[in-house]
């Protein structure tokens, strides 16, 4: 039953409005953290993809992220991994930190820190 997974969703225990942030609002870090530990995260994301939900945080992703390259792949165990992978890919395409930040709807500092972390991992 489709509704059955919703009974186990961690988001069901919080304010529903928190899962539908206004356009231009701060990135939904708190919601993603909750999703990362949710036992039904994949079921949630699958429904959002299957139904084409355009609004809200589903399975730890925004609508823009759901349209990206992870649409047909399972969600990474950590939301930060998704951002890390996208920053790496967009950097290869020659995008600036500002362009990447705008595309992913994250702070430019997040992109700069992620790039620094990626460089450190390459050296190790």
PDB file of N, CA and C in Angstrom:
ATOM      1  N   UNK A   1       0.846  -1.183   0.000  1.00  0.00           N
ATOM      2  CA  UNK A   1       0.000   0.000   0.000  1.00  0.00           C
ATOM      3  C   UNK A   1       0.892   1.248   0.000  1.00  0.00           C
ATOM      4  N   UNK A   2       0.634   2.183  -0.884  1.00  0.00           N
ATOM      5  CA  UNK A   2       1.449   3.377  -1.040  1.00  0.00           C
ATOM      6  C   UNK A   2       1.487   4.203   0.238  1.00  0.00           C
ATOM      7  N   UNK A   3       0.378   4.377   0.898  1.00  0.00           N
ATOM      8  CA  UNK A   3       0.322   5.210   2.089  1.00  0.00           C
ATOM      9  C   UNK A   3       1.087   4.605   3.262  1.00  0.00           C
ATOM     10  N   UNK A   4       1.338   3.298   3.235  1.00  0.00           N
ATOM     11  CA  UNK A   4       1.983   2.621   4.352  1.00  0.00           C
ATOM     12  C   UNK A   4       3.357   3.210   4.678  1.00  0.00           C
ATOM     13  N   UNK A   5       4.173   3.542   3.688  1.00  0.00           N
ATOM     14  CA  UNK A   5       5.499   4.089   3.957  1.00  0.00           C
ATOM     15  C   UNK A   5       5.413   5.436   4.656  1.00  0.00           C
ATOM     16  N   UNK A   6       4.372   6.189   4.394  1.00  0.00           N
ATOM     17  CA  UNK A   6       4.225   7.513   5.009  1.00  0.00           C
ATOM     18  C   UNK A   6       4.083   7.426   6.529  1.00  0.00           C
ATOM     19  N   UNK A   7       3.538   6.330   7.014  1.00  0.00           N
ATOM     20  CA  UNK A   7       3.400   6.164   8.461  1.00  0.00           C
ATOM     21  C   UNK A   7       4.754   6.059   9.149  1.00  0.00           C
ATOM     22  N   UNK A   8       5.778   5.620   8.435  1.00  0.00           N
ATOM     23  CA  UNK A   8       7.122   5.464   9.000  1.00  0.00           C
ATOM     24  C   UNK A   8       8.032   6.650   8.713  1.00  0.00           C
ATOM     25  N   UNK A   9       7.549   7.615   7.964  1.00  0.00           N
ATOM     26  CA  UNK A   9       8.380   8.763   7.570  1.00  0.00           C
ATOM     27  C   UNK A   9       8.644   9.676   8.765  1.00  0.00           C
ATOM     28  N   UNK A  10       9.905  10.050   8.936  1.00  0.00           N
ATOM     29  CA  UNK A  10      10.278  10.946  10.034  1.00  0.00           C
ATOM     30  C   UNK A  10       9.667  12.340   9.873  1.00  0.00           C
ATOM     31  N   UNK A  11       9.456  12.768   8.642  1.00  0.00           N
ATOM     32  CA  UNK A  11       8.895  14.098   8.412  1.00  0.00           C
ATOM     33  C   UNK A  11       7.458  14.207   8.916  1.00  0.00           C
ATOM     34  N   UNK A  12       6.782  13.088   9.036  1.00  0.00           N
ATOM     35  CA  UNK A  12       5.406  13.096   9.517  1.00  0.00           C
ATOM     36  C   UNK A  12       5.308  13.566  10.967  1.00  0.00           C
ATOM     37  N   UNK A  13       6.447  13.595  11.645  1.00  0.00           N
ATOM     38  CA  UNK A  13       6.467  14.011  13.046  1.00  0.00           C
ATOM     39  C   UNK A  13       6.798  15.492  13.201  1.00  0.00           C
ATOM     40  N   UNK A  14       6.885  16.225  12.089  1.00  0.00           N
ATOM     41  CA  UNK A  14       7.255  17.635  12.163  1.00  0.00           C
ATOM     42  C   UNK A  14       6.249  18.491  11.395  1.00  0.00           C
ATOM     43  N   UNK A  15       6.482  19.788  11.407  1.00  0.00           N
ATOM     44  CA  UNK A  15       5.617  20.756  10.742  1.00  0.00           C
ATOM     45  C   UNK A  15       5.626  20.532   9.226  1.00  0.00           C
ATOM     46  N   UNK A  16       4.490  20.262   8.630  1.00  0.00           N
ATOM     47  CA  UNK A  16       4.439  20.007   7.174  1.00  0.00           C
ATOM     48  C   UNK A  16       4.950  21.182   6.340  1.00  0.00           C
ATOM     49  N   UNK A  17       4.769  22.409   6.811  1.00  0.00           N
ATOM     50  CA  UNK A  17       5.222  23.574   6.050  1.00  0.00           C
ATOM     51  C   UNK A  17       6.739  23.605   5.890  1.00  0.00           C
ATOM     52  N   UNK A  18       7.460  22.982   6.811  1.00  0.00           N
ATOM     53  CA  UNK A  18       8.921  22.967   6.730  1.00  0.00           C
ATOM     54  C   UNK A  18       9.404  22.219   5.492  1.00  0.00           C
ATOM     55  N   UNK A  19       8.585  21.369   4.938  1.00  0.00           N
ATOM     56  CA  UNK A  19       8.969  20.538   3.793  1.00  0.00           C
ATOM     57  C   UNK A  19       8.614  21.189   2.467  1.00  0.00           C
ATOM     58  N   UNK A  20       8.026  22.375   2.538  1.00  0.00           N
ATOM     59  CA  UNK A  20       7.662  23.119   1.334  1.00  0.00           C
ATOM     60  C   UNK A  20       8.149  24.566   1.487  1.00  0.00           C
ATOM     61  N   UNK A  21       9.490  24.754   1.462  1.00  0.00           N
ATOM     62  CA  UNK A  21      10.049  26.096   1.673  1.00  0.00           C
ATOM     63  C   UNK A  21       9.665  27.054   0.548  1.00  0.00           C
ATOM     64  N   UNK A  22       9.567  28.321   0.909  1.00  0.00           N
ATOM     65  CA  UNK A  22       9.262  29.368  -0.069  1.00  0.00           C
ATOM     66  C   UNK A  22      10.435  29.519  -1.035  1.00  0.00           C
ATOM     67  N   UNK A  23      10.156  29.950  -2.238  1.00  0.00           N
ATOM     68  CA  UNK A  23      11.205  30.197  -3.219  1.00  0.00           C
ATOM     69  C   UNK A  23      12.157  31.254  -2.665  1.00  0.00           C
ATOM     70  N   UNK A  24      13.451  30.989  -2.768  1.00  0.00           N
ATOM     71  CA  UNK A  24      14.449  31.913  -2.273  1.00  0.00           C
ATOM     72  C   UNK A  24      14.772  31.748  -0.800  1.00  0.00           C
ATOM     73  N   UNK A  25      14.108  30.808  -0.139  1.00  0.00           N
ATOM     74  CA  UNK A  25      14.379  30.559   1.283  1.00  0.00           C
ATOM     75  C   UNK A  25      15.746  29.904   1.434  1.00  0.00           C
ATOM     76  N   UNK A  26      16.235  29.885   2.662  1.00  0.00           N
ATOM     77  CA  UNK A  26      17.526  29.247   2.943  1.00  0.00           C
ATOM     78  C   UNK A  26      17.465  27.780   2.531  1.00  0.00           C
ATOM     79  N   UNK A  27      18.601  27.214   2.123  1.00  0.00           N
ATOM     80  CA  UNK A  27      18.618  25.800   1.740  1.00  0.00           C
ATOM     81  C   UNK A  27      18.083  24.919   2.878  1.00  0.00           C
ATOM     82  N   UNK A  28      17.378  23.864   2.534  1.00  0.00           N
ATOM     83  CA  UNK A  28      16.718  23.018   3.536  1.00  0.00           C
ATOM     84  C   UNK A  28      17.651  22.012   4.217  1.00  0.00           C
ATOM     85  N   UNK A  29      18.701  22.505   4.869  1.00  0.00           N
ATOM     86  CA  UNK A  29      19.670  21.609   5.494  1.00  0.00           C
ATOM     87  C   UNK A  29      19.047  20.744   6.587  1.00  0.00           C
ATOM     88  N   UNK A  30      18.181  21.335   7.410  1.00  0.00           N
ATOM     89  CA  UNK A  30      17.558  20.576   8.499  1.00  0.00           C
ATOM     90  C   UNK A  30      16.705  19.448   7.938  1.00  0.00           C
ATOM     91  N   UNK A  31      15.925  19.755   6.919  1.00  0.00           N
ATOM     92  CA  UNK A  31      15.074  18.729   6.318  1.00  0.00           C
ATOM     93  C   UNK A  31      15.918  17.608   5.721  1.00  0.00           C
ATOM     94  N   UNK A  32      16.998  17.965   5.063  1.00  0.00           N
ATOM     95  CA  UNK A  32      17.853  16.936   4.455  1.00  0.00           C
ATOM     96  C   UNK A  32      18.485  16.056   5.518  1.00  0.00           C
ATOM     97  N   UNK A  33      18.859  16.663   6.650  1.00  0.00           N
ATOM     98  CA  UNK A  33      19.437  15.867   7.739  1.00  0.00           C
ATOM     99  C   UNK A  33      18.421  14.845   8.251  1.00  0.00           C
ATOM    100  N   UNK A  34      17.178  15.273   8.377  1.00  0.00           N
ATOM    101  CA  UNK A  34      16.116  14.361   8.816  1.00  0.00           C
ATOM    102  C   UNK A  34      15.937  13.256   7.775  1.00  0.00           C
ATOM    103  N   UNK A  35      15.907  13.630   6.508  1.00  0.00           N
ATOM    104  CA  UNK A  35      15.742  12.644   5.435  1.00  0.00           C
ATOM    105  C   UNK A  35      16.887  11.622   5.417  1.00  0.00           C
ATOM    106  N   UNK A  36      18.099  12.091   5.694  1.00  0.00           N
ATOM    107  CA  UNK A  36      19.248  11.185   5.662  1.00  0.00           C
ATOM    108  C   UNK A  36      19.110  10.031   6.632  1.00  0.00           C
ATOM    109  N   UNK A  37      18.366  10.227   7.706  1.00  0.00           N
ATOM    110  CA  UNK A  37      18.205   9.149   8.687  1.00  0.00           C
ATOM    111  C   UNK A  37      16.822   8.502   8.619  1.00  0.00           C
ATOM    112  N   UNK A  38      16.044   8.861   7.630  1.00  0.00           N
ATOM    113  CA  UNK A  38      14.680   8.331   7.506  1.00  0.00           C
ATOM    114  C   UNK A  38      14.687   6.923   6.900  1.00  0.00           C
ATOM    115  N   UNK A  39      13.952   5.992   7.510  1.00  0.00           N
ATOM    116  CA  UNK A  39      13.939   4.614   7.003  1.00  0.00           C
ATOM    117  C   UNK A  39      13.207   4.439   5.677  1.00  0.00           C
ATOM    118  N   UNK A  40      12.416   5.428   5.279  1.00  0.00           N
ATOM    119  CA  UNK A  40      11.652   5.294   4.034  1.00  0.00           C
ATOM    120  C   UNK A  40      12.037   6.372   3.019  1.00  0.00           C
ATOM    121  N   UNK A  41      13.253   6.823   3.097  1.00  0.00           N
ATOM    122  CA  UNK A  41      13.717   7.889   2.199  1.00  0.00           C
ATOM    123  C   UNK A  41      13.565   7.496   0.730  1.00  0.00           C
ATOM    124  N   UNK A  42      13.986   6.313   0.369  1.00  0.00           N
ATOM    125  CA  UNK A  42      13.924   5.900  -1.037  1.00  0.00           C
ATOM    126  C   UNK A  42      12.480   5.802  -1.522  1.00  0.00           C
ATOM    127  N   UNK A  43      11.584   5.281  -0.694  1.00  0.00           N
ATOM    128  CA  UNK A  43      10.180   5.191  -1.085  1.00  0.00           C
ATOM    129  C   UNK A  43       9.599   6.580  -1.336  1.00  0.00           C
ATOM    130  N   UNK A  44       9.978   7.522  -0.482  1.00  0.00           N
ATOM    131  CA  UNK A  44       9.532   8.905  -0.621  1.00  0.00           C
ATOM    132  C   UNK A  44      10.028   9.500  -1.938  1.00  0.00           C
ATOM    133  N   UNK A  45      11.300   9.328  -2.211  1.00  0.00           N
ATOM    134  CA  UNK A  45      11.871   9.850  -3.450  1.00  0.00           C
ATOM    135  C   UNK A  45      11.239   9.178  -4.659  1.00  0.00           C
ATOM    136  N   UNK A  46      11.050   7.878  -4.597  1.00  0.00           N
ATOM    137  CA  UNK A  46      10.433   7.162  -5.715  1.00  0.00           C
ATOM    138  C   UNK A  46       9.054   7.722  -6.034  1.00  0.00           C
ATOM    139  N   UNK A  47       8.267   8.001  -5.001  1.00  0.00           N
ATOM    140  CA  UNK A  47       6.933   8.552  -5.239  1.00  0.00           C
ATOM    141  C   UNK A  47       7.029   9.930  -5.893  1.00  0.00           C
ATOM    142  N   UNK A  48       7.947  10.758  -5.389  1.00  0.00           N
ATOM    143  CA  UNK A  48       8.098  12.097  -5.960  1.00  0.00           C
ATOM    144  C   UNK A  48       8.479  12.028  -7.430  1.00  0.00           C
ATOM    145  N   UNK A  49       9.362  11.102  -7.775  1.00  0.00           N
ATOM    146  CA  UNK A  49       9.776  10.951  -9.172  1.00  0.00           C
ATOM    147  C   UNK A  49       8.647  10.377 -10.020  1.00  0.00           C
ATOM    148  N   UNK A  50       7.968   9.362  -9.491  1.00  0.00           N
ATOM    149  CA  UNK A  50       6.885   8.726 -10.238  1.00  0.00           C
ATOM    150  C   UNK A  50       5.716   9.677 -10.481  1.00  0.00           C
ATOM    151  N   UNK A  51       5.416  10.507  -9.478  1.00  0.00           N
ATOM    152  CA  UNK A  51       4.265  11.398  -9.560  1.00  0.00           C
ATOM    153  C   UNK A  51       4.623  12.775 -10.130  1.00  0.00           C
ATOM    154  N   UNK A  52       5.930  13.044 -10.280  1.00  0.00           N
ATOM    155  CA  UNK A  52       6.357  14.323 -10.839  1.00  0.00           C
ATOM    156  C   UNK A  52       6.123  15.504  -9.905  1.00  0.00           C
ATOM    157  N   UNK A  53       6.244  15.292  -8.606  1.00  0.00           N
ATOM    158  CA  UNK A  53       6.041  16.379  -7.653  1.00  0.00           C
ATOM    159  C   UNK A  53       7.008  17.514  -7.941  1.00  0.00           C
ATOM    160  N   UNK A  54       6.487  18.718  -8.088  1.00  0.00           N
ATOM    161  CA  UNK A  54       7.314  19.880  -8.398  1.00  0.00           C
ATOM    162  C   UNK A  54       7.675  20.676  -7.164  1.00  0.00           C
ATOM    163  N   UNK A  55       6.967  20.488  -6.082  1.00  0.00           N
ATOM    164  CA  UNK A  55       7.185  21.306  -4.896  1.00  0.00           C
ATOM    165  C   UNK A  55       7.545  20.431  -3.708  1.00  0.00           C
ATOM    166  N   UNK A  56       8.365  20.985  -2.847  1.00  0.00           N
ATOM    167  CA  UNK A  56       8.671  20.329  -1.588  1.00  0.00           C
ATOM    168  C   UNK A  56       9.933  19.492  -1.606  1.00  0.00           C
ATOM    169  N   UNK A  57      10.328  19.116  -0.392  1.00  0.00           N
ATOM    170  CA  UNK A  57      11.470  18.245  -0.180  1.00  0.00           C
ATOM    171  C   UNK A  57      10.934  16.823  -0.103  1.00  0.00           C
ATOM    172  N   UNK A  58      11.397  15.988  -0.977  1.00  0.00           N
ATOM    173  CA  UNK A  58      10.965  14.582  -1.025  1.00  0.00           C
ATOM    174  C   UNK A  58      12.209  13.714  -1.111  1.00  0.00           C
ATOM    175  N   UNK A  59      12.335  12.768  -0.218  1.00  0.00           N
ATOM    176  CA  UNK A  59      13.493  11.879  -0.238  1.00  0.00           C
ATOM    177  C   UNK A  59      14.803  12.633  -0.098  1.00  0.00           C
ATOM    178  N   UNK A  60      14.770  13.776   0.576  1.00  0.00           N
ATOM    179  CA  UNK A  60      15.982  14.561   0.787  1.00  0.00           C
ATOM    180  C   UNK A  60      16.409  15.397  -0.396  1.00  0.00           C
ATOM    181  N   UNK A  61      15.542  15.550  -1.395  1.00  0.00           N
ATOM    182  CA  UNK A  61      15.900  16.305  -2.589  1.00  0.00           C
ATOM    183  C   UNK A  61      14.899  17.422  -2.863  1.00  0.00           C
ATOM    184  N   UNK A  62      15.376  18.450  -3.530  1.00  0.00           N
ATOM    185  CA  UNK A  62      14.498  19.511  -4.015  1.00  0.00           C
ATOM    186  C   UNK A  62      14.024  19.118  -5.420  1.00  0.00           C
ATOM    187  N   UNK A  63      13.078  19.863  -5.931  1.00  0.00           N
ATOM    188  CA  UNK A  63      12.589  19.574  -7.283  1.00  0.00           C
ATOM    189  C   UNK A  63      13.723  19.654  -8.300  1.00  0.00           C
ATOM    190  N   UNK A  64      14.552  20.667  -8.171  1.00  0.00           N
ATOM    191  CA  UNK A  64      15.670  20.844  -9.109  1.00  0.00           C
ATOM    192  C   UNK A  64      16.602  19.629  -9.061  1.00  0.00           C
ATOM    193  N   UNK A  65      16.881  19.134  -7.860  1.00  0.00           N
ATOM    194  CA  UNK A  65      17.752  17.961  -7.738  1.00  0.00           C
ATOM    195  C   UNK A  65      17.093  16.725  -8.341  1.00  0.00           C
ATOM    196  N   UNK A  66      15.784  16.627  -8.172  1.00  0.00           N
ATOM    197  CA  UNK A  66      15.089  15.461  -8.737  1.00  0.00           C
ATOM    198  C   UNK A  66      15.122  15.469 -10.258  1.00  0.00           C
ATOM    199  N   UNK A  67      15.266  16.630 -10.844  1.00  0.00           N
ATOM    200  CA  UNK A  67      15.353  16.721 -12.303  1.00  0.00           C
ATOM    201  C   UNK A  67      16.742  16.385 -12.818  1.00  0.00           C
ATOM    202  N   UNK A  68      17.712  16.345 -11.921  1.00  0.00           N
ATOM    203  CA  UNK A  68      19.104  16.143 -12.301  1.00  0.00           C
ATOM    204  C   UNK A  68      19.447  14.715 -12.632  1.00  0.00           C
ATOM    205  N   UNK A  69      20.726  14.453 -12.623  1.00  0.00           N
ATOM    206  CA  UNK A  69      21.226  13.155 -13.070  1.00  0.00           C
ATOM    207  C   UNK A  69      20.868  12.004 -12.150  1.00  0.00           C
ATOM    208  N   UNK A  70      20.391  12.288 -10.942  1.00  0.00           N
ATOM    209  CA  UNK A  70      20.064  11.211 -10.012  1.00  0.00           C
ATOM    210  C   UNK A  70      18.638  10.720 -10.182  1.00  0.00           C
ATOM    211  N   UNK A  71      17.941  11.217 -11.159  1.00  0.00           N
ATOM    212  CA  UNK A  71      16.537  10.843 -11.348  1.00  0.00           C
ATOM    213  C   UNK A  71      16.345   9.329 -11.451  1.00  0.00           C
ATOM    214  N   UNK A  72      17.203   8.656 -12.167  1.00  0.00           N
ATOM    215  CA  UNK A  72      17.031   7.220 -12.373  1.00  0.00           C
ATOM    216  C   UNK A  72      17.972   6.386 -11.519  1.00  0.00           C
ATOM    217  N   UNK A  73      18.580   6.997 -10.530  1.00  0.00           N
ATOM    218  CA  UNK A  73      19.499   6.284  -9.658  1.00  0.00           C
ATOM    219  C   UNK A  73      19.032   6.408  -8.221  1.00  0.00           C
ATOM    220  N   UNK A  74      19.371   5.452  -7.369  1.00  0.00           N
ATOM    221  CA  UNK A  74      19.005   5.585  -5.964  1.00  0.00           C
ATOM    222  C   UNK A  74      19.716   6.772  -5.331  1.00  0.00           C
ATOM    223  N   UNK A  75      19.102   7.328  -4.309  1.00  0.00           N
ATOM    224  CA  UNK A  75      19.674   8.455  -3.597  1.00  0.00           C
ATOM    225  C   UNK A  75      20.906   8.004  -2.833  1.00  0.00           C
ATOM    226  N   UNK A  76      21.919   8.854  -2.811  1.00  0.00           N
ATOM    227  CA  UNK A  76      23.100   8.560  -2.007  1.00  0.00           C
ATOM    228  C   UNK A  76      22.704   8.502  -0.542  1.00  0.00           C
ATOM    229  N   UNK A  77      23.405   7.726   0.275  1.00  0.00           N
ATOM    230  CA  UNK A  77      23.075   7.648   1.689  1.00  0.00           C
ATOM    231  C   UNK A  77      23.165   8.995   2.393  1.00  0.00           C
ATOM    232  N   UNK A  78      24.004   9.881   1.932  1.00  0.00           N
ATOM    233  CA  UNK A  78      24.112  11.211   2.542  1.00  0.00           C
ATOM    234  C   UNK A  78      23.843  12.266   1.491  1.00  0.00           C
ATOM    235  N   UNK A  79      22.984  13.232   1.811  1.00  0.00           N
ATOM    236  CA  UNK A  79      22.657  14.294   0.873  1.00  0.00           C
ATOM    237  C   UNK A  79      23.879  15.076   0.455  1.00  0.00           C
ATOM    238  N   UNK A  80      24.844  15.222   1.350  1.00  0.00           N
ATOM    239  CA  UNK A  80      26.064  15.952   1.025  1.00  0.00           C
ATOM    240  C   UNK A  80      26.823  15.277  -0.110  1.00  0.00           C
ATOM    241  N   UNK A  81      26.718  13.977  -0.225  1.00  0.00           N
ATOM    242  CA  UNK A  81      27.389  13.255  -1.304  1.00  0.00           C
ATOM    243  C   UNK A  81      26.835  13.683  -2.655  1.00  0.00           C
ATOM    244  N   UNK A  82      25.550  13.951  -2.700  1.00  0.00           N
ATOM    245  CA  UNK A  82      24.930  14.372  -3.947  1.00  0.00           C
ATOM    246  C   UNK A  82      25.491  15.732  -4.355  1.00  0.00           C
ATOM    247  N   UNK A  83      25.573  16.653  -3.418  1.00  0.00           N
ATOM    248  CA  UNK A  83      26.118  17.976  -3.720  1.00  0.00           C
ATOM    249  C   UNK A  83      27.579  17.848  -4.144  1.00  0.00           C
ATOM    250  N   UNK A  84      28.310  17.023  -3.442  1.00  0.00           N
ATOM    251  CA  UNK A  84      29.727  16.821  -3.741  1.00  0.00           C
ATOM    252  C   UNK A  84      29.899  16.311  -5.176  1.00  0.00           C
ATOM    253  N   UNK A  85      29.108  15.325  -5.564  1.00  0.00           N
ATOM    254  CA  UNK A  85      29.193  14.767  -6.914  1.00  0.00           C
ATOM    255  C   UNK A  85      28.850  15.821  -7.968  1.00  0.00           C
ATOM    256  N   UNK A  86      27.817  16.615  -7.702  1.00  0.00           N
ATOM    257  CA  UNK A  86      27.409  17.626  -8.664  1.00  0.00           C
ATOM    258  C   UNK A  86      28.441  18.748  -8.774  1.00  0.00           C
ATOM    259  N   UNK A  87      29.011  19.158  -7.635  1.00  0.00           N
ATOM    260  CA  UNK A  87      30.059  20.185  -7.677  1.00  0.00           C
ATOM    261  C   UNK A  87      31.233  19.687  -8.513  1.00  0.00           C
ATOM    262  N   UNK A  88      31.615  18.445  -8.317  1.00  0.00           N
ATOM    263  CA  UNK A  88      32.725  17.874  -9.071  1.00  0.00           C
ATOM    264  C   UNK A  88      32.406  17.848 -10.572  1.00  0.00           C
ATOM    265  N   UNK A  89      31.209  17.434 -10.912  1.00  0.00           N
ATOM    266  CA  UNK A  89      30.818  17.356 -12.319  1.00  0.00           C
ATOM    267  C   UNK A  89      30.768  18.743 -12.965  1.00  0.00           C
ATOM    268  N   UNK A  90      30.137  19.701 -12.289  1.00  0.00           N
ATOM    269  CA  UNK A  90      30.020  21.040 -12.851  1.00  0.00           C
ATOM    270  C   UNK A  90      31.380  21.726 -12.946  1.00  0.00           C
ATOM    271  N   UNK A  91      32.279  21.429 -12.020  1.00  0.00           N
ATOM    272  CA  UNK A  91      33.631  21.984 -12.078  1.00  0.00           C
ATOM    273  C   UNK A  91      34.342  21.481 -13.324  1.00  0.00           C
ATOM    274  N   UNK A  92      34.150  20.194 -13.637  1.00  0.00           N
ATOM    275  CA  UNK A  92      34.759  19.623 -14.853  1.00  0.00           C
ATOM    276  C   UNK A  92      34.267  20.333 -16.112  1.00  0.00           C
ATOM    277  N   UNK A  93      33.019  20.814 -16.065  1.00  0.00           N
ATOM    278  CA  UNK A  93      32.457  21.531 -17.207  1.00  0.00           C
ATOM    279  C   UNK A  93      32.909  22.982 -17.250  1.00  0.00           C
ATOM    280  N   UNK A  94      33.736  23.393 -16.268  1.00  0.00           N
ATOM    281  CA  UNK A  94      34.284  24.741 -16.259  1.00  0.00           C
ATOM    282  C   UNK A  94      33.398  25.797 -15.624  1.00  0.00           C
ATOM    283  N   UNK A  95      32.388  25.377 -14.885  1.00  0.00           N
ATOM    284  CA  UNK A  95      31.516  26.350 -14.233  1.00  0.00           C
ATOM    285  C   UNK A  95      32.234  26.984 -13.039  1.00  0.00           C
ATOM    286  N   UNK A  96      31.930  28.243 -12.776  1.00  0.00           N
ATOM    287  CA  UNK A  96      32.508  28.938 -11.628  1.00  0.00           C
ATOM    288  C   UNK A  96      31.755  28.530 -10.364  1.00  0.00           C
ATOM    289  N   UNK A  97      32.364  28.835  -9.221  1.00  0.00           N
ATOM    290  CA  UNK A  97      31.707  28.521  -7.946  1.00  0.00           C
ATOM    291  C   UNK A  97      30.360  29.233  -7.852  1.00  0.00           C
ATOM    292  N   UNK A  98      30.299  30.452  -8.326  1.00  0.00           N
ATOM    293  CA  UNK A  98      29.043  31.209  -8.288  1.00  0.00           C
ATOM    294  C   UNK A  98      27.965  30.539  -9.142  1.00  0.00           C
ATOM    295  N   UNK A  99      28.342  30.111 -10.341  1.00  0.00           N
ATOM    296  CA  UNK A  99      27.382  29.446 -11.231  1.00  0.00           C
ATOM    297  C   UNK A  99      26.873  28.143 -10.613  1.00  0.00           C
ATOM    298  N   UNK A 100      27.785  27.389 -10.023  1.00  0.00           N
ATOM    299  CA  UNK A 100      27.399  26.120  -9.394  1.00  0.00           C
ATOM    300  C   UNK A 100      26.459  26.388  -8.221  1.00  0.00           C
ATOM    301  N   UNK A 101      26.808  27.370  -7.400  1.00  0.00           N
ATOM    302  CA  UNK A 101      25.974  27.701  -6.245  1.00  0.00           C
ATOM    303  C   UNK A 101      24.566  28.089  -6.675  1.00  0.00           C
ATOM    304  N   UNK A 102      24.457  28.879  -7.722  1.00  0.00           N
ATOM    305  CA  UNK A 102      23.143  29.290  -8.222  1.00  0.00           C
ATOM    306  C   UNK A 102      22.358  28.091  -8.754  1.00  0.00           C
ATOM    307  N   UNK A 103      23.044  27.222  -9.464  1.00  0.00           N
ATOM    308  CA  UNK A 103      22.369  26.061 -10.034  1.00  0.00           C
ATOM    309  C   UNK A 103      21.868  25.104  -8.959  1.00  0.00           C
ATOM    310  N   UNK A 104      22.685  24.886  -7.918  1.00  0.00           N
ATOM    311  CA  UNK A 104      22.324  23.942  -6.852  1.00  0.00           C
ATOM    312  C   UNK A 104      21.539  24.585  -5.717  1.00  0.00           C
ATOM    313  N   UNK A 105      21.381  25.904  -5.807  1.00  0.00           N
ATOM    314  CA  UNK A 105      20.694  26.657  -4.751  1.00  0.00           C
ATOM    315  C   UNK A 105      21.370  26.454  -3.404  1.00  0.00           C
ATOM    316  N   UNK A 106      22.680  26.600  -3.398  1.00  0.00           N
ATOM    317  CA  UNK A 106      23.453  26.534  -2.162  1.00  0.00           C
ATOM    318  C   UNK A 106      24.311  27.793  -2.082  1.00  0.00           C
ATOM    319  N   UNK A 107      24.859  28.032  -0.921  1.00  0.00           N
ATOM    320  CA  UNK A 107      25.752  29.163  -0.706  1.00  0.00           C
ATOM    321  C   UNK A 107      27.062  28.929  -1.466  1.00  0.00           C
ATOM    322  N   UNK A 108      27.632  30.003  -2.013  1.00  0.00           N
ATOM    323  CA  UNK A 108      28.896  29.896  -2.744  1.00  0.00           C
ATOM    324  C   UNK A 108      29.990  29.292  -1.864  1.00  0.00           C
ATOM    325  N   UNK A 109      29.963  29.606  -0.561  1.00  0.00           N
ATOM    326  CA  UNK A 109      30.959  29.052   0.356  1.00  0.00           C
ATOM    327  C   UNK A 109      30.882  27.531   0.414  1.00  0.00           C
ATOM    328  N   UNK A 110      29.680  26.989   0.281  1.00  0.00           N
ATOM    329  CA  UNK A 110      29.518  25.532   0.265  1.00  0.00           C
ATOM    330  C   UNK A 110      30.257  24.940  -0.925  1.00  0.00           C
ATOM    331  N   UNK A 111      30.152  25.580  -2.071  1.00  0.00           N
ATOM    332  CA  UNK A 111      30.830  25.106  -3.277  1.00  0.00           C
ATOM    333  C   UNK A 111      32.342  25.190  -3.101  1.00  0.00           C
ATOM    334  N   UNK A 112      32.818  26.315  -2.571  1.00  0.00           N
ATOM    335  CA  UNK A 112      34.256  26.502  -2.378  1.00  0.00           C
ATOM    336  C   UNK A 112      34.799  25.451  -1.405  1.00  0.00           C
ATOM    337  N   UNK A 113      34.100  25.219  -0.300  1.00  0.00           N
ATOM    338  CA  UNK A 113      34.534  24.201   0.681  1.00  0.00           C
ATOM    339  C   UNK A 113      34.513  22.806   0.062  1.00  0.00           C
ATOM    340  N   UNK A 114      33.490  22.522  -0.733  1.00  0.00           N
ATOM    341  CA  UNK A 114      33.388  21.208  -1.365  1.00  0.00           C
ATOM    342  C   UNK A 114      34.532  21.005  -2.351  1.00  0.00           C
ATOM    343  N   UNK A 115      34.842  22.026  -3.131  1.00  0.00           N
ATOM    344  CA  UNK A 115      35.965  21.922  -4.065  1.00  0.00           C
ATOM    345  C   UNK A 115      37.276  21.686  -3.318  1.00  0.00           C
ATOM    346  N   UNK A 116      37.454  22.372  -2.203  1.00  0.00           N
ATOM    347  CA  UNK A 116      38.660  22.197  -1.397  1.00  0.00           C
ATOM    348  C   UNK A 116      38.753  20.766  -0.873  1.00  0.00           C
ATOM    349  N   UNK A 117      37.637  20.250  -0.418  1.00  0.00           N
ATOM    350  CA  UNK A 117      37.591  18.874   0.084  1.00  0.00           C
ATOM    351  C   UNK A 117      37.922  17.885  -1.039  1.00  0.00           C
ATOM    352  N   UNK A 118      37.402  18.120  -2.211  1.00  0.00           N
ATOM    353  CA  UNK A 118      37.680  17.238  -3.346  1.00  0.00           C
ATOM    354  C   UNK A 118      39.163  17.243  -3.707  1.00  0.00           C
ATOM    355  N   UNK A 119      39.786  18.425  -3.673  1.00  0.00           N
ATOM    356  CA  UNK A 119      41.216  18.514  -3.959  1.00  0.00           C
ATOM    357  C   UNK A 119      42.024  17.737  -2.913  1.00  0.00           C
ATOM    358  N   UNK A 120      41.620  17.843  -1.649  1.00  0.00           N
ATOM    359  CA  UNK A 120      42.308  17.121  -0.573  1.00  0.00           C
ATOM    360  C   UNK A 120      42.190  15.614  -0.782  1.00  0.00           C
ATOM    361  N   UNK A 121      41.030  15.152  -1.212  1.00  0.00           N
ATOM    362  CA  UNK A 121      40.816  13.710  -1.437  1.00  0.00           C
ATOM    363  C   UNK A 121      41.658  13.224  -2.615  1.00  0.00           C
ATOM    364  N   UNK A 122      41.839  14.063  -3.637  1.00  0.00           N
ATOM    365  CA  UNK A 122      42.632  13.681  -4.799  1.00  0.00           C
ATOM    366  C   UNK A 122      44.099  13.481  -4.419  1.00  0.00           C
ATOM    367  N   UNK A 123      44.591  14.295  -3.498  1.00  0.00           N
ATOM    368  CA  UNK A 123      45.985  14.217  -3.056  1.00  0.00           C
ATOM    369  C   UNK A 123      46.206  12.972  -2.220  1.00  0.00           C
ATOM    370  N   UNK A 124      45.210  12.617  -1.419  1.00  0.00           N
ATOM    371  CA  UNK A 124      45.365  11.467  -0.501  1.00  0.00           C
ATOM    372  C   UNK A 124      45.413  10.148  -1.197  1.00  0.00           C
TER     373      UNK A 124
END
